[in-house]
C-alpha atoms as a PDB file:
ATOM      1  CA  MET A   1       8.544  16.512  35.285  1.00  0.00           C
ATOM      2  CA  THR A   2       8.221  17.257  31.571  1.00  0.00           C
ATOM      3  CA  ASN A   3       5.652  19.493  29.917  1.00  0.00           C
ATOM      4  CA  GLU A   4       6.353  17.871  26.567  1.00  0.00           C
ATOM      5  CA  THR A   5       3.323  16.475  24.728  1.00  0.00           C
ATOM      6  CA  SER A   6       4.458  13.316  22.973  1.00  0.00           C
ATOM      7  CA  TRP A   7       2.995  10.853  20.496  1.00  0.00           C
ATOM      8  CA  LEU A   8       4.032   7.398  19.355  1.00  0.00           C
ATOM      9  CA  PHE A   9       3.834   6.969  15.595  1.00  0.00           C
ATOM     10  CA  ASN A  10       3.823   3.427  14.213  1.00  0.00           C
ATOM     11  CA  THR A  11       5.472   3.531  10.773  1.00  0.00           C
ATOM     12  CA  ASP A  12       3.232   0.631   9.687  1.00  0.00           C
ATOM     13  CA  GLU A  13       5.925  -1.763   8.488  1.00  0.00           C
ATOM     14  CA  THR A  14       4.133  -4.973   9.460  1.00  0.00           C
ATOM     15  CA  GLU A  15       2.639  -5.079   5.956  1.00  0.00           C
ATOM     16  CA  GLU A  16       4.801  -5.632   2.894  1.00  0.00           C
ATOM     17  CA  VAL A  17       3.862  -2.249   1.416  1.00  0.00           C
ATOM     18  CA  GLY A  18       5.372  -0.520   4.444  1.00  0.00           C
ATOM     19  CA  VAL A  19       8.702  -2.311   4.802  1.00  0.00           C
ATOM     20  CA  GLY A  20      11.554   0.190   5.002  1.00  0.00           C
ATOM     21  CA  LYS A  21       9.263   3.189   4.625  1.00  0.00           C
ATOM     22  CA  HIS A  22      10.470   4.758   7.896  1.00  0.00           C
ATOM     23  CA  GLU A  23      13.767   5.575   6.179  1.00  0.00           C
ATOM     24  CA  LEU A  24      11.941   7.387   3.374  1.00  0.00           C
ATOM     25  CA  MET A  25       9.799   9.305   5.867  1.00  0.00           C
ATOM     26  CA  LEU A  26      12.844  10.413   7.833  1.00  0.00           C
ATOM     27  CA  LYS A  27      14.690  11.400   4.674  1.00  0.00           C
ATOM     28  CA  GLN A  28      11.742  13.549   3.539  1.00  0.00           C
ATOM     29  CA  GLN A  29      11.058  14.691   7.125  1.00  0.00           C
ATOM     30  CA  LEU A  30       7.404  13.714   7.393  1.00  0.00           C
ATOM     31  CA  VAL A  31       5.010  11.121   8.790  1.00  0.00           C
ATOM     32  CA  ALA A  32       2.751   9.155   6.459  1.00  0.00           C
ATOM     33  CA  ALA A  33      -0.205   6.781   6.700  1.00  0.00           C
ATOM     34  CA  TRP A  34      -2.804   5.270   4.431  1.00  0.00           C
ATOM     35  CA  GLY A  35      -6.091   3.386   4.584  1.00  0.00           C
ATOM     36  CA  HIS A  36      -8.762   3.435   7.283  1.00  0.00           C
ATOM     37  CA  CYS A  37      -6.348   3.606  10.284  1.00  0.00           C
ATOM     38  CA  ARG A  38      -8.702   1.790  12.666  1.00  0.00           C
ATOM     39  CA  GLY A  39     -11.727   3.628  11.309  1.00  0.00           C
ATOM     40  CA  VAL A  40     -10.326   7.139  11.863  1.00  0.00           C
ATOM     41  CA  GLY A  41      -8.690   7.627   8.476  1.00  0.00           C
ATOM     42  CA  ALA A  42      -5.122   8.597   7.647  1.00  0.00           C
ATOM     43  CA  GLU A  43      -5.745  12.346   7.393  1.00  0.00           C
ATOM     44  CA  ALA A  44      -7.320  12.702  10.850  1.00  0.00           C
ATOM     45  CA  THR A  45      -4.810  10.280  12.384  1.00  0.00           C
ATOM     46  CA  LEU A  46      -1.811  12.352  11.302  1.00  0.00           C
ATOM     47  CA  ASN A  47      -3.490  15.566  12.487  1.00  0.00           C
ATOM     48  CA  ARG A  48      -3.818  14.380  16.079  1.00  0.00           C
ATOM     49  CA  PRO A  49      -0.551  15.986  17.279  1.00  0.00           C
ATOM     50  CA  LEU A  50      -0.764  19.760  17.648  1.00  0.00           C
ATOM     51  CA  PRO A  51       1.958  21.994  16.213  1.00  0.00           C
ATOM     52  CA  GLY A  52       4.986  21.732  18.499  1.00  0.00           C
ATOM     53  CA  ASP A  53       4.154  18.257  19.837  1.00  0.00           C
ATOM     54  CA  TYR A  54       6.860  15.588  19.698  1.00  0.00           C
ATOM     55  CA  ILE A  55       6.361  12.501  17.530  1.00  0.00           C
ATOM     56  CA  TYR A  56       8.386   9.338  18.195  1.00  0.00           C
ATOM     57  CA  TYR A  57       8.840   6.993  15.228  1.00  0.00           C
ATOM     58  CA  PHE A  58       8.191   3.373  16.203  1.00  0.00           C
ATOM     59  CA  ARG A  59       9.343   0.670  13.804  1.00  0.00           C
ATOM     60  CA  ALA A  60       7.428  -2.588  14.344  1.00  0.00           C
ATOM     61  CA  GLY A  61       9.683  -5.439  15.471  1.00  0.00           C
ATOM     62  CA  PHE A  62      12.509  -3.061  16.366  1.00  0.00           C
ATOM     63  CA  GLY A  63      11.424  -0.129  18.526  1.00  0.00           C
ATOM     64  CA  ILE A  64      11.679   3.660  18.558  1.00  0.00           C
ATOM     65  CA  VAL A  65      14.211   4.843  15.989  1.00  0.00           C
ATOM     66  CA  ALA A  66      13.697   8.619  15.741  1.00  0.00           C
ATOM     67  CA  ARG A  67      11.709  11.604  16.909  1.00  0.00           C
ATOM     68  CA  ALA A  68      10.563  14.910  15.382  1.00  0.00           C
ATOM     69  CA  VAL A  69       8.309  17.902  16.045  1.00  0.00           C
ATOM     70  CA  ALA A  70       4.932  18.464  14.376  1.00  0.00           C
ATOM     71  CA  THR A  71       4.767  21.609  12.238  1.00  0.00           C
ATOM     72  CA  HIS A  72       1.927  24.074  11.703  1.00  0.00           C
ATOM     73  CA  GLU A  73       1.151  22.479   8.343  1.00  0.00           C
ATOM     74  CA  PHE A  74      -1.427  19.720   8.676  1.00  0.00           C
ATOM     75  CA  SER A  75      -1.764  16.553   6.599  1.00  0.00           C
ATOM     76  CA  TYR A  76      -2.211  16.538   2.837  1.00  0.00           C
ATOM     77  CA  ALA A  77      -3.053  13.914   0.241  1.00  0.00           C
ATOM     78  CA  THR A  78      -0.122  12.308  -1.548  1.00  0.00           C
ATOM     79  CA  ASN A  79       1.180   8.977  -2.809  1.00  0.00           C
ATOM     80  CA  SER A  80       4.888   9.583  -2.319  1.00  0.00           C
ATOM     81  CA  ILE A  81       5.565   7.035   0.446  1.00  0.00           C
ATOM     82  CA  PHE A  82       3.280   3.980   0.269  1.00  0.00           C
ATOM     83  CA  HIS A  83       1.849   4.621  -3.226  1.00  0.00           C
ATOM     84  CA  GLU A  84      -1.562   3.577  -1.931  1.00  0.00           C
ATOM     85  CA  VAL A  85      -5.109   4.943  -2.166  1.00  0.00           C
ATOM     86  CA  GLY A  86      -6.067   7.132   0.780  1.00  0.00           C
ATOM     87  CA  GLU A  87      -2.482   8.078   1.609  1.00  0.00           C
ATOM     88  CA  PHE A  88      -1.678  11.256   3.536  1.00  0.00           C
ATOM     89  CA  CYS A  89       1.544  12.881   4.753  1.00  0.00           C
ATOM     90  CA  ARG A  90       2.354  15.539   7.321  1.00  0.00           C
ATOM     91  CA  ASP A  91       5.560  17.536   7.553  1.00  0.00           C
ATOM     92  CA  VAL A  92       7.738  17.468  10.659  1.00  0.00           C
ATOM     93  CA  GLU A  93      10.850  19.361  11.757  1.00  0.00           C
ATOM     94  CA  GLN A  94      13.756  18.995  14.220  1.00  0.00           C
ATOM     95  CA  VAL A  95      14.231  15.368  13.199  1.00  0.00           C
ATOM     96  CA  GLN A  96      16.533  13.293  15.400  1.00  0.00           C
ATOM     97  CA  VAL A  97      17.527   9.787  14.327  1.00  0.00           C
ATOM     98  CA  LEU A  98      18.617   7.683  17.287  1.00  0.00           C
ATOM     99  CA  SER A  99      22.230   6.583  17.239  1.00  0.00           C
ATOM    100  CA  GLY A 100      22.734   2.975  18.225  1.00  0.00           C
ATOM    101  CA  GLU A 101      20.036   0.391  18.897  1.00  0.00           C
ATOM    102  CA  PRO A 102      16.312   1.265  18.815  1.00  0.00           C
ATOM    103  CA  ILE A 103      14.488   1.805  22.113  1.00  0.00           C
ATOM    104  CA  THR A 104      12.383  -1.314  22.533  1.00  0.00           C
ATOM    105  CA  VAL A 105       8.982  -1.775  24.127  1.00  0.00           C
ATOM    106  CA  ARG A 106      10.576  -4.016  26.769  1.00  0.00           C
ATOM    107  CA  GLU A 107      13.282  -1.456  27.584  1.00  0.00           C
ATOM    108  CA  ILE A 108      10.715   1.254  28.297  1.00  0.00           C
ATOM    109  CA  LYS A 109       8.549  -1.183  30.249  1.00  0.00           C
ATOM    110  CA  ASN A 110      11.481  -2.285  32.428  1.00  0.00           C
ATOM    111  CA  ALA A 111      12.637   1.292  33.043  1.00  0.00           C
ATOM    112  CA  THR A 112       9.268   2.922  33.754  1.00  0.00           C
ATOM    113  CA  ASN A 113       6.670   0.132  34.077  1.00  0.00           C
ATOM    114  CA  TYR A 114       4.742   1.783  31.203  1.00  0.00           C
ATOM    115  CA  GLN A 115       3.519  -0.132  28.168  1.00  0.00           C
ATOM    116  CA  ILE A 116       3.738   2.166  25.152  1.00  0.00           C
ATOM    117  CA  PRO A 117       0.698   1.959  22.800  1.00  0.00           C
ATOM    118  CA  TYR A 118       2.694   0.586  19.876  1.00  0.00           C
ATOM    119  CA  ARG A 119      -0.233  -1.187  18.179  1.00  0.00           C
ATOM    120  CA  GLN A 120      -1.889   2.128  17.193  1.00  0.00           C
ATOM    121  CA  ILE A 121      -0.802   4.303  14.273  1.00  0.00           C
ATOM    122  CA  MET A 122      -0.682   7.559  16.285  1.00  0.00           C
ATOM    123  CA  ALA A 123      -1.189   7.377  20.031  1.00  0.00           C
ATOM    124  CA  ARG A 124      -0.539   9.813  22.867  1.00  0.00           C
ATOM    125  CA  LEU A 125       2.186   8.860  25.358  1.00  0.00           C
ATOM    126  CA  LEU A 126       0.589   9.390  28.755  1.00  0.00           C
ATOM    127  CA  ASP A 127       3.302   8.426  31.229  1.00  0.00           C
ATOM    128  CA  PRO A 128       5.645  11.285  32.288  1.00  0.00           C
ATOM    129  CA  ASP A 129       8.376   8.849  33.379  1.00  0.00           C
ATOM    130  CA  ALA A 130       8.364   7.168  29.976  1.00  0.00           C
ATOM    131  CA  ILE A 131       8.524  10.533  28.200  1.00  0.00           C
ATOM    132  CA  ASN A 132      11.428  11.666  30.401  1.00  0.00           C
ATOM    133  CA  TYR A 133      13.201   8.392  29.683  1.00  0.00           C
ATOM    134  CA  LEU A 134      12.871   8.994  25.936  1.00  0.00           C
ATOM    135  CA  ILE A 135      14.035  12.599  26.276  1.00  0.00           C
ATOM    136  CA  LYS A 136      17.209  11.438  28.022  1.00  0.00           C
ATOM    137  CA  ARG A 137      17.868   8.831  25.337  1.00  0.00           C
ATOM    138  CA  PHE A 138      17.589  11.457  22.597  1.00  0.00           C
ATOM    139  CA  LYS A 139      19.422  14.195  24.508  1.00  0.00           C
ATOM    140  CA  LYS A 140      22.769  13.624  22.792  1.00  0.00           C
ATOM    141  CA  THR A 141      21.297  12.864  19.373  1.00  0.00           C
ATOM    142  CA  LYS A 142      22.037  15.514  16.760  1.00  0.00           C
ATOM    143  CA  LEU A 143      19.336  17.132  14.652  1.00  0.00           C
ATOM    144  CA  GLU A 144      19.208  15.956  11.062  1.00  0.00           C
ATOM    145  CA  LYS A 145      20.034  18.514   8.398  1.00  0.00           C
ATOM    146  CA  VAL A 146      16.841  20.079   7.051  1.00  0.00           C
ATOM    147  CA  ARG A 147      16.028  18.811   3.578  1.00  0.00           C
ATOM    148  CA  THR A 148      13.706  20.724   1.267  1.00  0.00           C
ATOM    149  CA  ARG A 149      11.696  18.480  -0.999  1.00  0.00           C
ATOM    150  CA  SER A 150      11.439  19.147  -4.684  1.00  0.00           C
ATOM    151  CA  LYS A 151       8.745  21.634  -5.659  1.00  0.00           C
ATOM    152  CA  ASN A 152       8.076  19.461  -8.701  1.00  0.00           C
ATOM    153  CA  HIS A 153       7.044  16.511  -6.556  1.00  0.00           C
ATOM    154  CA  LYS A 154       3.260  16.325  -6.483  1.00  0.00           C
ATOM    155  CA  GLY A 155       1.802  16.907  -3.054  1.00  0.00           C
ATOM    156  CA  SER A 156       5.083  17.848  -1.374  1.00  0.00           C
ATOM    157  CA  PHE A 157       5.842  20.839   0.806  1.00  0.00           C
ATOM    158  CA  ALA A 158       8.984  22.533   2.013  1.00  0.00           C
ATOM    159  CA  ILE A 159       9.832  21.924   5.663  1.00  0.00           C
ATOM    160  CA  ILE A 160       7.955  24.436   7.815  1.00  0.00           C
ATOM    161  CA  ASP A 161       9.852  25.693  10.857  1.00  0.00           C
ATOM    162  CA  ALA A 162       8.935  28.723  12.951  1.00  0.00           C
ATOM    163  CA  GLU A 163      11.072  31.105  10.900  1.00  0.00           C
ATOM    164  CA  ARG A 164       9.636  29.858   7.607  1.00  0.00           C
ATOM    165  CA  ARG A 165       6.101  29.974   9.004  1.00  0.00           C
ATOM    166  CA  THR A 166       6.629  33.658   9.794  1.00  0.00           C
ATOM    167  CA  LYS A 167       7.950  34.318   6.282  1.00  0.00           C
ATOM    168  CA  ILE A 168       4.854  32.679   4.765  1.00  0.00           C
ATOM    169  CA  GLU A 169       2.521  34.727   6.951  1.00  0.00           C
ATOM    170  CA  ARG A 170       4.336  38.007   6.203  1.00  0.00           C
ATOM    171  CA  ALA A 171       4.383  37.284   2.462  1.00  0.00           C
ATOM    172  CA  ALA A 172       0.638  36.582   2.487  1.00  0.00           C
ATOM    173  CA  ILE A 173      -0.121  39.765   4.447  1.00  0.00           C
ATOM    174  CA  LYS A 174       2.047  41.812   2.069  1.00  0.00           C
ATOM    175  CA  PHE A 175       0.366  40.301  -0.988  1.00  0.00           C
ATOM    176  CA  VAL A 176      -3.150  41.041   0.291  1.00  0.00           C
ATOM    177  CA  THR A 177      -2.241  44.531   1.554  1.00  0.00           C
ATOM    178  CA  GLU A 178      -0.784  45.526  -1.806  1.00  0.00           C
ATOM    179  CA  LYS A 179      -3.903  44.284  -3.598  1.00  0.00           C
ATOM    180  CA  TYR A 180      -6.154  46.340  -1.338  1.00  0.00           C
ATOM    181  CA  GLU A 181      -4.010  49.434  -1.856  1.00  0.00           C
ATOM    182  CA  ARG A 182      -4.030  49.009  -5.640  1.00  0.00           C
ATOM    183  CA  ASP A 183      -7.825  48.919  -5.464  1.00  0.00           C
ATOM    184  CA  GLY A 184      -7.923  52.211  -3.551  1.00  0.00           C
ATOM    185  CA  TRP A 185      -8.384  50.919   0.005  1.00  0.00           C
ATOM    186  CA  HIS A 186      -6.732  52.271   3.158  1.00  0.00           C
ATOM    187  CA  VAL A 187      -5.239  49.377   5.116  1.00  0.00           C
ATOM    188  CA  HIS A 188      -4.542  49.355   8.872  1.00  0.00           C
ATOM    189  CA  SER A 189      -2.946  46.312  10.537  1.00  0.00           C
ATOM    190  CA  VAL A 190      -4.697  45.053  13.691  1.00  0.00           C
ATOM    191  CA  GLU A 191      -2.750  41.779  13.886  1.00  0.00           C
ATOM    192  CA  LYS A 192      -1.556  42.424  17.453  1.00  0.00           C
ATOM    193  CA  GLU A 193      -4.923  43.567  18.797  1.00  0.00           C
ATOM    194  CA  ASN A 194      -6.608  40.128  19.034  1.00  0.00           C
ATOM    195  CA  VAL A 195      -9.811  41.290  17.337  1.00  0.00           C
ATOM    196  CA  GLY A 196     -10.333  38.186  15.201  1.00  0.00           C
ATOM    197  CA  TYR A 197      -8.811  39.432  11.951  1.00  0.00           C
ATOM    198  CA  ASP A 198      -5.575  40.930  10.564  1.00  0.00           C
ATOM    199  CA  LEU A 199      -6.352  44.016   8.460  1.00  0.00           C
ATOM    200  CA  HIS A 200      -8.937  46.761   8.904  1.00  0.00           C
ATOM    201  CA  CYS A 201      -9.633  48.065   5.404  1.00  0.00           C
ATOM    202  CA  THR A 202     -11.675  51.135   4.448  1.00  0.00           C
ATOM    203  CA  ARG A 203     -12.629  52.776   1.165  1.00  0.00           C
ATOM    204  CA  GLY A 204     -15.050  55.626   1.606  1.00  0.00           C
ATOM    205  CA  LYS A 205     -17.981  54.139   3.532  1.00  0.00           C
ATOM    206  CA  GLU A 206     -16.920  50.562   2.727  1.00  0.00           C
ATOM    207  CA  VAL A 207     -15.312  48.530   5.536  1.00  0.00           C
ATOM    208  CA  GLU A 208     -13.785  45.045   5.377  1.00  0.00           C
ATOM    209  CA  CYS A 209     -12.353  43.081   8.286  1.00  0.00           C
ATOM    210  CA  ALA A 210      -9.753  40.946   6.520  1.00  0.00           C
ATOM    211  CA  GLU A 211      -8.232  37.769   7.905  1.00  0.00           C
ATOM    212  CA  VAL A 212      -5.242  36.500   5.902  1.00  0.00           C
ATOM    213  CA  LYS A 213      -4.041  32.888   5.712  1.00  0.00           C
ATOM    214  CA  GLY A 214      -0.919  31.858   3.818  1.00  0.00           C
ATOM    215  CA  THR A 215       0.310  28.426   2.805  1.00  0.00           C
ATOM    216  CA  SER A 216       3.557  27.185   1.279  1.00  0.00           C
ATOM    217  CA  SER A 217       1.698  24.832  -1.040  1.00  0.00           C
ATOM    218  CA  SER A 218      -1.179  24.956  -3.509  1.00  0.00           C
ATOM    219  CA  ILE A 219      -3.577  23.442  -0.952  1.00  0.00           C
ATOM    220  CA  GLU A 220      -5.998  25.665   0.987  1.00  0.00           C
ATOM    221  CA  GLN A 221      -5.386  24.195   4.431  1.00  0.00           C
ATOM    222  CA  PHE A 222      -4.698  26.258   7.542  1.00  0.00           C
ATOM    223  CA  VAL A 223      -5.495  26.773  11.216  1.00  0.00           C
ATOM    224  CA  ILE A 224      -8.269  29.213  12.122  1.00  0.00           C
ATOM    225  CA  THR A 225      -8.719  30.219  15.755  1.00  0.00           C
ATOM    226  CA  ALA A 226     -12.020  30.179  17.620  1.00  0.00           C
ATOM    227  CA  ASN A 227     -11.894  33.981  17.787  1.00  0.00           C
ATOM    228  CA  GLU A 228     -11.419  34.275  14.020  1.00  0.00           C
ATOM    229  CA  PHE A 229     -14.190  31.786  13.252  1.00  0.00           C
ATOM    230  CA  GLU A 230     -16.611  33.535  15.605  1.00  0.00           C
ATOM    231  CA  LYS A 231     -15.821  36.822  13.866  1.00  0.00           C
ATOM    232  CA  SER A 232     -16.494  35.241  10.476  1.00  0.00           C
ATOM    233  CA  ILE A 233     -19.990  34.227  11.609  1.00  0.00           C
ATOM    234  CA  SER A 234     -20.982  37.303  13.586  1.00  0.00           C
ATOM    235  CA  ASP A 235     -19.607  40.119  11.392  1.00  0.00           C
ATOM    236  CA  LYS A 236     -20.812  40.504   7.798  1.00  0.00           C
ATOM    237  CA  ARG A 237     -17.776  42.695   7.105  1.00  0.00           C
ATOM    238  CA  PHE A 238     -15.449  39.727   7.679  1.00  0.00           C
ATOM    239  CA  VAL A 239     -13.444  38.569   4.664  1.00  0.00           C
ATOM    240  CA  LEU A 240     -11.067  35.589   4.550  1.00  0.00           C
ATOM    241  CA  HIS A 241      -8.174  35.827   2.102  1.00  0.00           C
ATOM    242  CA  VAL A 242      -6.257  32.588   1.462  1.00  0.00           C
ATOM    243  CA  VAL A 243      -2.904  32.961  -0.293  1.00  0.00           C
ATOM    244  CA  VAL A 244      -1.479  29.676  -1.561  1.00  0.00           C
ATOM    245  CA  ASN A 245       2.150  29.327  -2.716  1.00  0.00           C
ATOM    246  CA  ALA A 246       2.795  32.497  -0.733  1.00  0.00           C
ATOM    247  CA  LEU A 247       6.584  32.418  -1.156  1.00  0.00           C
ATOM    248  CA  SER A 248       6.760  31.480  -4.829  1.00  0.00           C
ATOM    249  CA  GLU A 249       3.749  32.144  -7.077  1.00  0.00           C
ATOM    250  CA  PRO A 250       1.076  33.580  -4.742  1.00  0.00           C
ATOM    251  CA  ARG A 251      -2.534  33.017  -5.730  1.00  0.00           C
ATOM    252  CA  LEU A 252      -5.415  34.587  -3.821  1.00  0.00           C
ATOM    253  CA  THR A 253      -8.897  33.240  -3.127  1.00  0.00           C
ATOM    254  CA  THR A 254     -11.395  35.302  -1.135  1.00  0.00           C
ATOM    255  CA  TYR A 255     -14.286  34.009   0.980  1.00  0.00           C
ATOM    256  CA  ARG A 256     -16.923  36.299   2.483  1.00  0.00           C
ATOM    257  CA  HIS A 257     -18.787  35.850   5.742  1.00  0.00           C
ATOM    258  CA  ALA A 258     -21.101  32.810   5.426  1.00  0.00           C
ATOM    259  CA  GLN A 259     -19.027  31.217   2.632  1.00  0.00           C
ATOM    260  CA  ILE A 260     -16.433  29.903   5.094  1.00  0.00           C
ATOM    261  CA  PRO A 261     -18.400  27.032   6.745  1.00  0.00           C
ATOM    262  CA  LYS A 262     -19.869  26.211   3.320  1.00  0.00           C
ATOM    263  CA  ASN A 263     -16.468  25.826   1.652  1.00  0.00           C
ATOM    264  CA  PHE A 264     -14.285  24.303   4.385  1.00  0.00           C
ATOM    265  CA  ASP A 265     -14.425  21.214   6.557  1.00  0.00           C
ATOM    266  CA  LEU A 266     -13.637  22.419  10.081  1.00  0.00           C
ATOM    267  CA  THR A 267     -11.976  19.968  12.481  1.00  0.00           C
ATOM    268  CA  PRO A 268     -11.507  20.826  16.192  1.00  0.00           C
ATOM    269  CA  ILE A 269      -7.864  20.257  17.142  1.00  0.00           C
ATOM    270  CA  GLN A 270      -7.817  21.801  20.603  1.00  0.00           C
ATOM    271  CA  TYR A 271     -10.173  22.372  23.562  1.00  0.00           C
ATOM    272  CA  ARG A 272      -9.975  24.468  26.696  1.00  0.00           C
ATOM    273  CA  ALA A 273     -10.693  22.405  29.812  1.00  0.00           C
ATOM    274  CA  VAL A 274     -12.010  24.130  32.943  1.00  0.00           C
ATOM    275  CA  PHE A 275     -12.735  22.198  36.120  1.00  0.00           C
ATOM    276  CA  ARG A 276     -16.477  21.860  36.661  1.00  0.00           C
ATOM    277  CA  GLN A 277     -17.466  23.230  40.055  1.00  0.00           C
ATOM    278  CA  GLY A 278     -20.213  21.563  42.077  1.00  0.00           C
END
């Protein structure tokens, strides 16, 4: 039995604007959508998979042609794939393009008796047998070589894998720490202590509880944990530092305490489920 969380992504090639776009998405190592997406919107639709979830590319009229893994970077506005209003993209990694014929809806149905939800743009695959069947089909498929998109392309990001994610986070922490120290603060890292922030900073009687977020792009978009958000509300000493372009030309914006819910749209992407007794 697999523990893999998997999603079926329809590359939306039933309309003329989408024909052949799966090849461009795979080349740039991303998923893309535009328009209302059945009333949900492209941005929220692409953000449904959590970081580390598998995404299977379904090409209408053909079948599943590739799979990839969702990164920690969530969707961003662009017009690089469909060139349409309301278009969003999301980076993926570990791309595998299926060798041979696509995996059809009928093939999966015959093998597992499961009808994949191919009419939706992004839908969760709920049948373990179907997921295991897909895993076996992709088992011998090689990973595509990672391609880094041009930094000059508006709205694009470099591919974010675990190693790169760590580099971004460390660069952001270093940038913020050095700024504090230049301003005469003493900085103590509490990153491993699970206290809801990264740096405990003191200067005389002044105290700041600093949470640092880094991005590889110029967009202020990141994941904030429930613990961090609770700290931002309950502790007036809490400060959020967002470092964009952390690996190239870092730029810092600081938000204090109550400014966070006023300046950011917060979308729940995960829940803890506990069985209800009685």
